[in-house]
Each structure stands twice: as C-alpha cells, then as structure tokens.
Amino acid sequence: MDLGILGQIHFTWDFLIGFLSIIIVNLVLSGDNAFVIAMAVRSLPGKQRMNGIVFGVGAAVVLRVVLTFFAATLLRIQYVKLIGGAVIIWIAIKLLVEGVPEDKLQKEAKTLWHAVWIIIVADITMSIDNVLAVAAASKGNFFLLIFGLGLSIPIVVFASTLLVVLMDRYPIIIYVGAAVLGQVGGEMMVTDPFIVQILNPSNILKYSVEAFFTIGVVVAGKLWVRQKISRQMKIMDEASQTQSIDVKNKR
C-alpha cells in the first residue's frame, strides 16, 4: 500500500513485528515522560491542567520529529547526556519542591507556559534514547517511524492525566515521580561517552549511580522544602513581632 510521503506499507512479518515493537517501546518508555508532565501541571488550576498537558506534549512531539534526524549523532557527542542528566535531576528536585504536599509550604503561583516550558525541556532531554528505540523498531519504514512518534501522544496524555489525579489523592506518588526522574538523570550521566571513556563503568557502578540519584533527588528536595518552610516561618514570625510592636506604639 503506497501512502505517498509516508512511505509504503507491506503487511509482512517484519512490518507486523516492527508495528508491535513500536507499541511496546512507547508503553515502556513513556512512563518517565508522563511523570514529568503530571508533576509540571499539578500546581496549575484545574481547567489549565489539560491545556498544559496538550500544549506540552504537542510541542515536545514536534521537536521529537526534528530530533529524530539527529538523535544518533547527539548520543555520540561527549557531555550531551551528562548535561542532559544534570538538567533532569534539577527539574526533578524543582518539581518535587513545587509539588510537595506539606501544607505549611506557601506555594508560588505557576503559569501555564512555565509548566509547558518545563515539559518541553525535560521531554526533549529524556527523549533521545526513546527516539532511537522507535527508529530502530521502525526498521527504516517511515510510516512506522511517524506512527511511533504519533502514538506517544495519546499514551503520554492519558498516563499524565491519570497521574495528576492520583497525585492529588496520593501525594506519595510525587516522591515516586521525582525518584524515577532521578534514576533517569543518573543513568544518562553515567552513560555519557565522556564518562564511559574515562571510567568505563561496570554494571555495579551504573546501578550504584542510578540508586544514588534516585534517593538523592528525594533527599535534596526534602531538605530544600524544610529550608523554605523554615525561612517562611521566620519571615512570618518577624512580621508578627513587627505588627505587635506597631500595635503597642499606637497605644
């Protein structure tokens, strides 16, 4: 079947295996992206959440299409995954602090476009490996490649929408999401060509680094939250004392 610019479809075993492989790859690799999106839009008002998910996923998928043509080259460039992993870890800590369920923490207002920007940066940073996996599963078939990239949209939208609802009901999922992103960031950093060339890390070292950042992101986020709470409580106490002094002076 000739689809013009989308290429041709031949219903062979290779095509069917590639088709099923792309579905499986998307289901397996979309989890971390869904966590980022859910955590990024959770602080938005209810009506803006879906807009944030749709705009963020749409923009990220468009950039994924462009990234497809450069993904293999980017993975061979030193420091790309190292910097990308560091960015993901920073985003994980920031999203944890912004979404942490402690009632005492006064949250800063977040705009729709701020959430969309976080989604785009995080998704593109984490999607190099995903894009390569889809490209490999498509086996050179342009239709399967586009199908794989397009399939990620409904999967991620559904998963992130479900996660937002679950995070509201079970805030512990926020910590799980941050830990997942920490693991992703650690894996990216330790597999950067520069690190591999210098350390040639064994599987034990790789798993240790991933475990370190998985736990480290949550610990760093909790410490940051405690510092912010302490600072805000101090400001409130100073304001209260100032108000008391003003009242006495007026008397």
C-alpha atoms as a PDB file:
ATOM      1  CA  MET A   1       0.000   0.000   0.000  1.00  0.00           C
ATOM      2  CA  ASP A   2       1.533   3.309  -1.133  1.00  0.00           C
ATOM      3  CA  LEU A   3       0.907   6.210   1.270  1.00  0.00           C
ATOM      4  CA  GLY A   4       2.884   8.785  -0.675  1.00  0.00           C
ATOM      5  CA  ILE A   5       5.130  10.870   1.563  1.00  0.00           C
ATOM      6  CA  LEU A   6       4.518   8.478   4.454  1.00  0.00           C
ATOM      7  CA  GLY A   7       6.097   5.623   2.551  1.00  0.00           C
ATOM      8  CA  GLN A   8       4.716   2.192   1.831  1.00  0.00           C
ATOM      9  CA  ILE A   9       3.053  -0.483   3.921  1.00  0.00           C
ATOM     10  CA  HIS A  10       3.721  -4.131   3.207  1.00  0.00           C
ATOM     11  CA  PHE A  11       1.901  -6.487   5.536  1.00  0.00           C
ATOM     12  CA  THR A  12       4.842  -8.777   6.126  1.00  0.00           C
ATOM     13  CA  TRP A  13       6.134 -10.346   9.324  1.00  0.00           C
ATOM     14  CA  ASP A  14       8.839  -7.680   9.541  1.00  0.00           C
ATOM     15  CA  PHE A  15       6.222  -4.932   9.333  1.00  0.00           C
ATOM     16  CA  LEU A  16       3.991  -6.564  11.959  1.00  0.00           C
ATOM     17  CA  ILE A  17       6.925  -7.185  14.312  1.00  0.00           C
ATOM     18  CA  GLY A  18       8.037  -3.566  13.902  1.00  0.00           C
ATOM     19  CA  PHE A  19       4.459  -2.386  14.485  1.00  0.00           C
ATOM     20  CA  LEU A  20       4.139  -4.358  17.738  1.00  0.00           C
ATOM     21  CA  SER A  21       7.649  -3.397  18.834  1.00  0.00           C
ATOM     22  CA  ILE A  22       6.835   0.305  18.495  1.00  0.00           C
ATOM     23  CA  ILE A  23       3.701  -0.093  20.632  1.00  0.00           C
ATOM     24  CA  ILE A  24       5.690  -1.902  23.336  1.00  0.00           C
ATOM     25  CA  VAL A  25       8.542   0.638  23.214  1.00  0.00           C
ATOM     26  CA  ASN A  26       6.092   3.517  23.646  1.00  0.00           C
ATOM     27  CA  LEU A  27       4.332   1.829  26.558  1.00  0.00           C
ATOM     28  CA  VAL A  28       7.609   1.050  28.322  1.00  0.00           C
ATOM     29  CA  LEU A  29       9.429   4.341  27.689  1.00  0.00           C
ATOM     30  CA  SER A  30       6.557   6.800  28.203  1.00  0.00           C
ATOM     31  CA  GLY A  31       6.396   6.440  31.979  1.00  0.00           C
ATOM     32  CA  ASP A  32       9.124   8.934  32.893  1.00  0.00           C
ATOM     33  CA  ASN A  33       7.737  11.493  30.427  1.00  0.00           C
ATOM     34  CA  ALA A  34       4.279  11.111  31.960  1.00  0.00           C
ATOM     35  CA  PHE A  35       5.712  11.722  35.443  1.00  0.00           C
ATOM     36  CA  VAL A  36       7.356  14.969  34.312  1.00  0.00           C
ATOM     37  CA  ILE A  37       4.164  16.254  32.723  1.00  0.00           C
ATOM     38  CA  ALA A  38       1.968  15.292  35.671  1.00  0.00           C
ATOM     39  CA  MET A  39       4.305  16.950  38.176  1.00  0.00           C
ATOM     40  CA  ALA A  40       4.697  20.062  35.997  1.00  0.00           C
ATOM     41  CA  VAL A  41       0.948  20.729  35.634  1.00  0.00           C
ATOM     42  CA  ARG A  42      -0.150  19.632  39.109  1.00  0.00           C
ATOM     43  CA  SER A  43       0.228  23.156  40.547  1.00  0.00           C
ATOM     44  CA  LEU A  44      -1.947  24.660  37.801  1.00  0.00           C
ATOM     45  CA  PRO A  45      -5.655  25.408  38.300  1.00  0.00           C
ATOM     46  CA  GLY A  46      -7.885  22.501  37.306  1.00  0.00           C
ATOM     47  CA  LYS A  47      -9.031  23.977  33.977  1.00  0.00           C
ATOM     48  CA  GLN A  48      -5.471  24.739  32.852  1.00  0.00           C
ATOM     49  CA  ARG A  49      -4.079  21.290  33.580  1.00  0.00           C
ATOM     50  CA  MET A  50      -5.356  19.676  30.404  1.00  0.00           C
ATOM     51  CA  ASN A  51      -4.200  22.673  28.362  1.00  0.00           C
ATOM     52  CA  GLY A  52      -0.745  22.296  29.873  1.00  0.00           C
ATOM     53  CA  ILE A  53      -0.665  18.586  29.052  1.00  0.00           C
ATOM     54  CA  VAL A  54      -1.874  19.055  25.476  1.00  0.00           C
ATOM     55  CA  PHE A  55       0.370  22.026  24.664  1.00  0.00           C
ATOM     56  CA  GLY A  56       3.396  20.482  26.355  1.00  0.00           C
ATOM     57  CA  VAL A  57       3.040  17.080  24.688  1.00  0.00           C
ATOM     58  CA  GLY A  58       2.225  18.612  21.306  1.00  0.00           C
ATOM     59  CA  ALA A  59       5.274  20.883  21.306  1.00  0.00           C
ATOM     60  CA  ALA A  60       7.511  18.085  22.564  1.00  0.00           C
ATOM     61  CA  VAL A  61       6.354  15.667  19.857  1.00  0.00           C
ATOM     62  CA  VAL A  62       7.007  18.239  17.132  1.00  0.00           C
ATOM     63  CA  LEU A  63      10.526  18.694  18.471  1.00  0.00           C
ATOM     64  CA  ARG A  64      10.917  14.899  18.688  1.00  0.00           C
ATOM     65  CA  VAL A  65      10.300  14.644  14.957  1.00  0.00           C
ATOM     66  CA  VAL A  66      13.145  17.097  14.379  1.00  0.00           C
ATOM     67  CA  LEU A  67      15.290  15.330  16.958  1.00  0.00           C
ATOM     68  CA  THR A  68      14.811  12.012  15.160  1.00  0.00           C
ATOM     69  CA  PHE A  69      17.207  13.059  12.409  1.00  0.00           C
ATOM     70  CA  PHE A  70      19.969  13.990  14.876  1.00  0.00           C
ATOM     71  CA  ALA A  71      19.454  11.577  17.787  1.00  0.00           C
ATOM     72  CA  ALA A  72      22.106   9.021  16.800  1.00  0.00           C
ATOM     73  CA  THR A  73      24.697  11.775  16.306  1.00  0.00           C
ATOM     74  CA  LEU A  74      23.832  13.535  19.561  1.00  0.00           C
ATOM     75  CA  LEU A  75      24.308  10.372  21.617  1.00  0.00           C
ATOM     76  CA  ARG A  76      27.899  10.092  20.369  1.00  0.00           C
ATOM     77  CA  ILE A  77      28.796  13.667  21.354  1.00  0.00           C
ATOM     78  CA  GLN A  78      30.535  13.982  24.701  1.00  0.00           C
ATOM     79  CA  TYR A  79      28.802  15.881  27.518  1.00  0.00           C
ATOM     80  CA  VAL A  80      25.342  15.858  25.839  1.00  0.00           C
ATOM     81  CA  LYS A  81      23.925  13.119  28.075  1.00  0.00           C
ATOM     82  CA  LEU A  82      25.987  14.343  31.029  1.00  0.00           C
ATOM     83  CA  ILE A  83      24.457  17.829  30.824  1.00  0.00           C
ATOM     84  CA  GLY A  84      21.033  16.422  29.954  1.00  0.00           C
ATOM     85  CA  GLY A  85      21.112  14.154  33.009  1.00  0.00           C
ATOM     86  CA  ALA A  86      22.043  17.072  35.245  1.00  0.00           C
ATOM     87  CA  VAL A  87      19.124  19.078  33.804  1.00  0.00           C
ATOM     88  CA  ILE A  88      16.701  16.220  34.512  1.00  0.00           C
ATOM     89  CA  ILE A  89      17.940  15.908  38.099  1.00  0.00           C
ATOM     90  CA  TRP A  90      17.498  19.655  38.641  1.00  0.00           C
ATOM     91  CA  ILE A  91      13.983  19.525  37.147  1.00  0.00           C
ATOM     92  CA  ALA A  92      13.129  16.530  39.364  1.00  0.00           C
ATOM     93  CA  ILE A  93      14.188  18.386  42.531  1.00  0.00           C
ATOM     94  CA  LYS A  94      12.398  21.576  41.440  1.00  0.00           C
ATOM     95  CA  LEU A  95       9.152  19.759  40.619  1.00  0.00           C
ATOM     96  CA  LEU A  96       9.314  17.874  43.917  1.00  0.00           C
ATOM     97  CA  VAL A  97       9.683  21.133  45.855  1.00  0.00           C
ATOM     98  CA  GLU A  98       6.839  22.761  43.902  1.00  0.00           C
ATOM     99  CA  GLY A  99       4.511  19.786  44.297  1.00  0.00           C
ATOM    100  CA  VAL A 100       5.414  18.615  47.791  1.00  0.00           C
ATOM    101  CA  PRO A 101       2.264  18.029  49.863  1.00  0.00           C
ATOM    102  CA  GLU A 102       3.361  19.811  53.070  1.00  0.00           C
ATOM    103  CA  ASP A 103       0.547  22.200  53.978  1.00  0.00           C
ATOM    104  CA  LYS A 104       2.872  24.686  55.684  1.00  0.00           C
ATOM    105  CA  LEU A 105       4.753  25.455  52.491  1.00  0.00           C
ATOM    106  CA  GLN A 106       3.462  28.519  50.703  1.00  0.00           C
ATOM    107  CA  LYS A 107       3.495  27.628  47.017  1.00  0.00           C
ATOM    108  CA  GLU A 108       4.457  30.118  44.344  1.00  0.00           C
ATOM    109  CA  ALA A 109       1.945  30.625  41.553  1.00  0.00           C
ATOM    110  CA  LYS A 110       2.837  28.790  38.361  1.00  0.00           C
ATOM    111  CA  THR A 111       1.728  29.862  34.904  1.00  0.00           C
ATOM    112  CA  LEU A 112       0.592  27.609  32.082  1.00  0.00           C
ATOM    113  CA  TRP A 113       3.565  28.497  29.898  1.00  0.00           C
ATOM    114  CA  HIS A 114       6.007  27.910  32.733  1.00  0.00           C
ATOM    115  CA  ALA A 115       4.682  24.353  33.015  1.00  0.00           C
ATOM    116  CA  VAL A 116       4.781  23.879  29.235  1.00  0.00           C
ATOM    117  CA  TRP A 117       8.400  25.070  29.124  1.00  0.00           C
ATOM    118  CA  ILE A 118       9.411  22.553  31.819  1.00  0.00           C
ATOM    119  CA  ILE A 119       7.632  19.776  29.918  1.00  0.00           C
ATOM    120  CA  ILE A 120       9.385  20.626  26.648  1.00  0.00           C
ATOM    121  CA  VAL A 121      12.874  20.876  28.178  1.00  0.00           C
ATOM    122  CA  ALA A 122      12.505  17.668  30.187  1.00  0.00           C
ATOM    123  CA  ASP A 123      10.846  15.677  27.402  1.00  0.00           C
ATOM    124  CA  ILE A 124      13.422  16.594  24.782  1.00  0.00           C
ATOM    125  CA  THR A 125      16.268  15.913  27.205  1.00  0.00           C
ATOM    126  CA  MET A 126      14.938  12.440  28.048  1.00  0.00           C
ATOM    127  CA  SER A 127      13.679  11.527  24.586  1.00  0.00           C
ATOM    128  CA  ILE A 128      16.929  10.948  22.695  1.00  0.00           C
ATOM    129  CA  ASP A 129      17.041   7.282  23.719  1.00  0.00           C
ATOM    130  CA  ASN A 130      13.286   6.947  23.172  1.00  0.00           C
ATOM    131  CA  VAL A 131      13.521   8.326  19.662  1.00  0.00           C
ATOM    132  CA  LEU A 132      16.361   5.953  18.824  1.00  0.00           C
ATOM    133  CA  ALA A 133      14.367   2.992  20.153  1.00  0.00           C
ATOM    134  CA  VAL A 134      11.377   3.917  17.972  1.00  0.00           C
ATOM    135  CA  ALA A 135      13.650   4.492  14.972  1.00  0.00           C
ATOM    136  CA  ALA A 136      15.264   1.080  15.476  1.00  0.00           C
ATOM    137  CA  ALA A 137      11.886  -0.638  15.833  1.00  0.00           C
ATOM    138  CA  SER A 138      10.616   1.002  12.619  1.00  0.00           C
ATOM    139  CA  LYS A 139      13.474  -0.653  10.664  1.00  0.00           C
ATOM    140  CA  GLY A 140      13.677   2.183   8.168  1.00  0.00           C
ATOM    141  CA  ASN A 141       9.929   2.298   7.476  1.00  0.00           C
ATOM    142  CA  PHE A 142       8.941   5.982   7.522  1.00  0.00           C
ATOM    143  CA  PHE A 143       5.276   5.172   8.180  1.00  0.00           C
ATOM    144  CA  LEU A 144       6.187   3.154  11.290  1.00  0.00           C
ATOM    145  CA  LEU A 145       8.509   5.928  12.464  1.00  0.00           C
ATOM    146  CA  ILE A 146       5.769   8.567  12.226  1.00  0.00           C
ATOM    147  CA  PHE A 147       3.266   6.123  13.732  1.00  0.00           C
ATOM    148  CA  GLY A 148       5.591   5.539  16.679  1.00  0.00           C
ATOM    149  CA  LEU A 149       6.098   9.234  17.325  1.00  0.00           C
ATOM    150  CA  GLY A 150       2.374   9.902  16.972  1.00  0.00           C
ATOM    151  CA  LEU A 151       1.424   7.019  19.242  1.00  0.00           C
ATOM    152  CA  SER A 152       3.359   8.603  22.092  1.00  0.00           C
ATOM    153  CA  ILE A 153       0.828  11.475  22.193  1.00  0.00           C
ATOM    154  CA  PRO A 154      -2.288   9.596  23.412  1.00  0.00           C
ATOM    155  CA  ILE A 155      -0.220   7.320  25.660  1.00  0.00           C
ATOM    156  CA  VAL A 156       1.547  10.179  27.446  1.00  0.00           C
ATOM    157  CA  VAL A 157      -1.602  12.349  27.606  1.00  0.00           C
ATOM    158  CA  PHE A 158      -3.624   9.518  29.154  1.00  0.00           C
ATOM    159  CA  ALA A 159      -0.856   8.470  31.555  1.00  0.00           C
ATOM    160  CA  SER A 160      -0.074  12.020  32.704  1.00  0.00           C
ATOM    161  CA  THR A 161      -3.762  12.880  33.171  1.00  0.00           C
ATOM    162  CA  LEU A 162      -4.222   9.773  35.295  1.00  0.00           C
ATOM    163  CA  LEU A 163      -1.091  10.550  37.316  1.00  0.00           C
ATOM    164  CA  VAL A 164      -2.268  14.098  38.082  1.00  0.00           C
ATOM    165  CA  VAL A 165      -5.487  12.714  39.551  1.00  0.00           C
ATOM    166  CA  LEU A 166      -3.584  10.081  41.538  1.00  0.00           C
ATOM    167  CA  MET A 167      -1.070  12.669  42.820  1.00  0.00           C
ATOM    168  CA  ASP A 168      -3.918  14.771  44.196  1.00  0.00           C
ATOM    169  CA  ARG A 169      -5.272  11.732  46.017  1.00  0.00           C
ATOM    170  CA  TYR A 170      -1.984  10.037  46.918  1.00  0.00           C
ATOM    171  CA  PRO A 171       0.786  12.684  47.272  1.00  0.00           C
ATOM    172  CA  ILE A 172       3.390   9.932  47.850  1.00  0.00           C
ATOM    173  CA  ILE A 173       3.361   9.486  44.056  1.00  0.00           C
ATOM    174  CA  ILE A 174       5.096  12.882  43.783  1.00  0.00           C
ATOM    175  CA  TYR A 175       8.097  11.378  45.551  1.00  0.00           C
ATOM    176  CA  VAL A 176       7.942   8.289  43.335  1.00  0.00           C
ATOM    177  CA  GLY A 177       7.931  10.523  40.250  1.00  0.00           C
ATOM    178  CA  ALA A 178      10.911  12.522  41.499  1.00  0.00           C
ATOM    179  CA  ALA A 179      12.786   9.292  42.259  1.00  0.00           C
ATOM    180  CA  VAL A 180      12.072   7.958  38.750  1.00  0.00           C
ATOM    181  CA  LEU A 181      13.411  11.156  37.201  1.00  0.00           C
ATOM    182  CA  GLY A 182      16.470  10.954  39.458  1.00  0.00           C
ATOM    183  CA  GLN A 183      17.159   7.441  38.171  1.00  0.00           C
ATOM    184  CA  VAL A 184      16.750   8.608  34.571  1.00  0.00           C
ATOM    185  CA  GLY A 185      19.124  11.529  35.133  1.00  0.00           C
ATOM    186  CA  GLY A 186      21.717   9.323  36.813  1.00  0.00           C
ATOM    187  CA  GLU A 187      21.546   6.757  34.001  1.00  0.00           C
ATOM    188  CA  MET A 188      22.019   9.483  31.384  1.00  0.00           C
ATOM    189  CA  MET A 189      25.044  10.942  33.157  1.00  0.00           C
ATOM    190  CA  VAL A 190      26.860   7.672  33.800  1.00  0.00           C
ATOM    191  CA  THR A 191      26.391   6.519  30.184  1.00  0.00           C
ATOM    192  CA  ASP A 192      27.713   9.733  28.621  1.00  0.00           C
ATOM    193  CA  PRO A 193      30.577   8.949  26.180  1.00  0.00           C
ATOM    194  CA  PHE A 194      32.950  11.144  28.217  1.00  0.00           C
ATOM    195  CA  ILE A 195      32.220   9.251  31.451  1.00  0.00           C
ATOM    196  CA  VAL A 196      32.371   5.886  29.674  1.00  0.00           C
ATOM    197  CA  GLN A 197      35.732   6.777  28.150  1.00  0.00           C
ATOM    198  CA  ILE A 198      37.239   7.793  31.493  1.00  0.00           C
ATOM    199  CA  LEU A 199      35.659   5.321  33.921  1.00  0.00           C
ATOM    200  CA  ASN A 200      34.384   2.501  31.711  1.00  0.00           C
ATOM    201  CA  PRO A 201      31.740   1.949  34.410  1.00  0.00           C
ATOM    202  CA  SER A 202      30.722  -1.575  35.300  1.00  0.00           C
ATOM    203  CA  ASN A 203      27.077  -2.545  35.750  1.00  0.00           C
ATOM    204  CA  ILE A 204      27.517  -2.314  39.514  1.00  0.00           C
ATOM    205  CA  LEU A 205      28.801   1.272  39.234  1.00  0.00           C
ATOM    206  CA  LYS A 206      25.963   2.199  36.859  1.00  0.00           C
ATOM    207  CA  TYR A 207      23.328   0.803  39.210  1.00  0.00           C
ATOM    208  CA  SER A 208      25.018   2.491  42.180  1.00  0.00           C
ATOM    209  CA  VAL A 209      24.979   5.883  40.438  1.00  0.00           C
ATOM    210  CA  GLU A 210      21.318   5.432  39.472  1.00  0.00           C
ATOM    211  CA  ALA A 211      20.452   4.440  43.068  1.00  0.00           C
ATOM    212  CA  PHE A 212      22.387   7.434  44.423  1.00  0.00           C
ATOM    213  CA  PHE A 213      20.467   9.928  42.304  1.00  0.00           C
ATOM    214  CA  THR A 214      17.153   8.108  42.841  1.00  0.00           C
ATOM    215  CA  ILE A 215      17.495   8.632  46.595  1.00  0.00           C
ATOM    216  CA  GLY A 216      19.472  11.868  46.332  1.00  0.00           C
ATOM    217  CA  VAL A 217      16.757  13.725  44.434  1.00  0.00           C
ATOM    218  CA  VAL A 218      14.185  12.978  47.125  1.00  0.00           C
ATOM    219  CA  VAL A 219      16.588  13.845  49.970  1.00  0.00           C
ATOM    220  CA  ALA A 220      17.690  17.092  48.300  1.00  0.00           C
ATOM    221  CA  GLY A 221      14.075  18.044  47.625  1.00  0.00           C
ATOM    222  CA  LYS A 222      13.060  17.393  51.238  1.00  0.00           C
ATOM    223  CA  LEU A 223      15.999  19.443  52.566  1.00  0.00           C
ATOM    224  CA  TRP A 224      15.119  22.302  50.211  1.00  0.00           C
ATOM    225  CA  VAL A 225      11.487  22.184  51.334  1.00  0.00           C
ATOM    226  CA  ARG A 226      12.498  22.271  55.010  1.00  0.00           C
ATOM    227  CA  GLN A 227      14.751  25.251  54.342  1.00  0.00           C
ATOM    228  CA  LYS A 228      11.950  27.100  52.556  1.00  0.00           C
ATOM    229  CA  ILE A 229       9.485  26.317  55.356  1.00  0.00           C
ATOM    230  CA  SER A 230      11.992  27.481  57.967  1.00  0.00           C
ATOM    231  CA  ARG A 231      12.650  30.702  56.065  1.00  0.00           C
ATOM    232  CA  GLN A 232       8.952  31.409  55.582  1.00  0.00           C
ATOM    233  CA  MET A 233       8.209  30.703  59.243  1.00  0.00           C
ATOM    234  CA  LYS A 234      10.998  33.105  60.230  1.00  0.00           C
ATOM    235  CA  ILE A 235       9.566  35.802  57.952  1.00  0.00           C
ATOM    236  CA  MET A 236       6.096  35.250  59.448  1.00  0.00           C
ATOM    237  CA  ASP A 237       7.480  35.482  62.991  1.00  0.00           C
ATOM    238  CA  GLU A 238       9.322  38.718  62.181  1.00  0.00           C
ATOM    239  CA  ALA A 239       6.187  40.147  60.576  1.00  0.00           C
ATOM    240  CA  SER A 240       4.141  39.153  63.624  1.00  0.00           C
ATOM    241  CA  GLN A 241       6.641  40.785  66.001  1.00  0.00           C
ATOM    242  CA  THR A 242       6.694  43.944  63.896  1.00  0.00           C
ATOM    243  CA  GLN A 243       2.909  44.077  63.938  1.00  0.00           C
ATOM    244  CA  SER A 244       2.861  43.647  67.717  1.00  0.00           C
ATOM    245  CA  ILE A 245       5.355  46.493  68.155  1.00  0.00           C
ATOM    246  CA  ASP A 246       3.252  48.747  65.903  1.00  0.00           C
ATOM    247  CA  VAL A 247       0.149  47.976  67.960  1.00  0.00           C
ATOM    248  CA  LYS A 248       1.967  48.816  71.229  1.00  0.00           C
ATOM    249  CA  ASN A 249       3.328  52.062  69.802  1.00  0.00           C
ATOM    250  CA  LYS A 250      -0.135  53.123  68.739  1.00  0.00           C
ATOM    251  CA  ARG A 251      -1.370  52.599  72.280  1.00  0.00           C
END
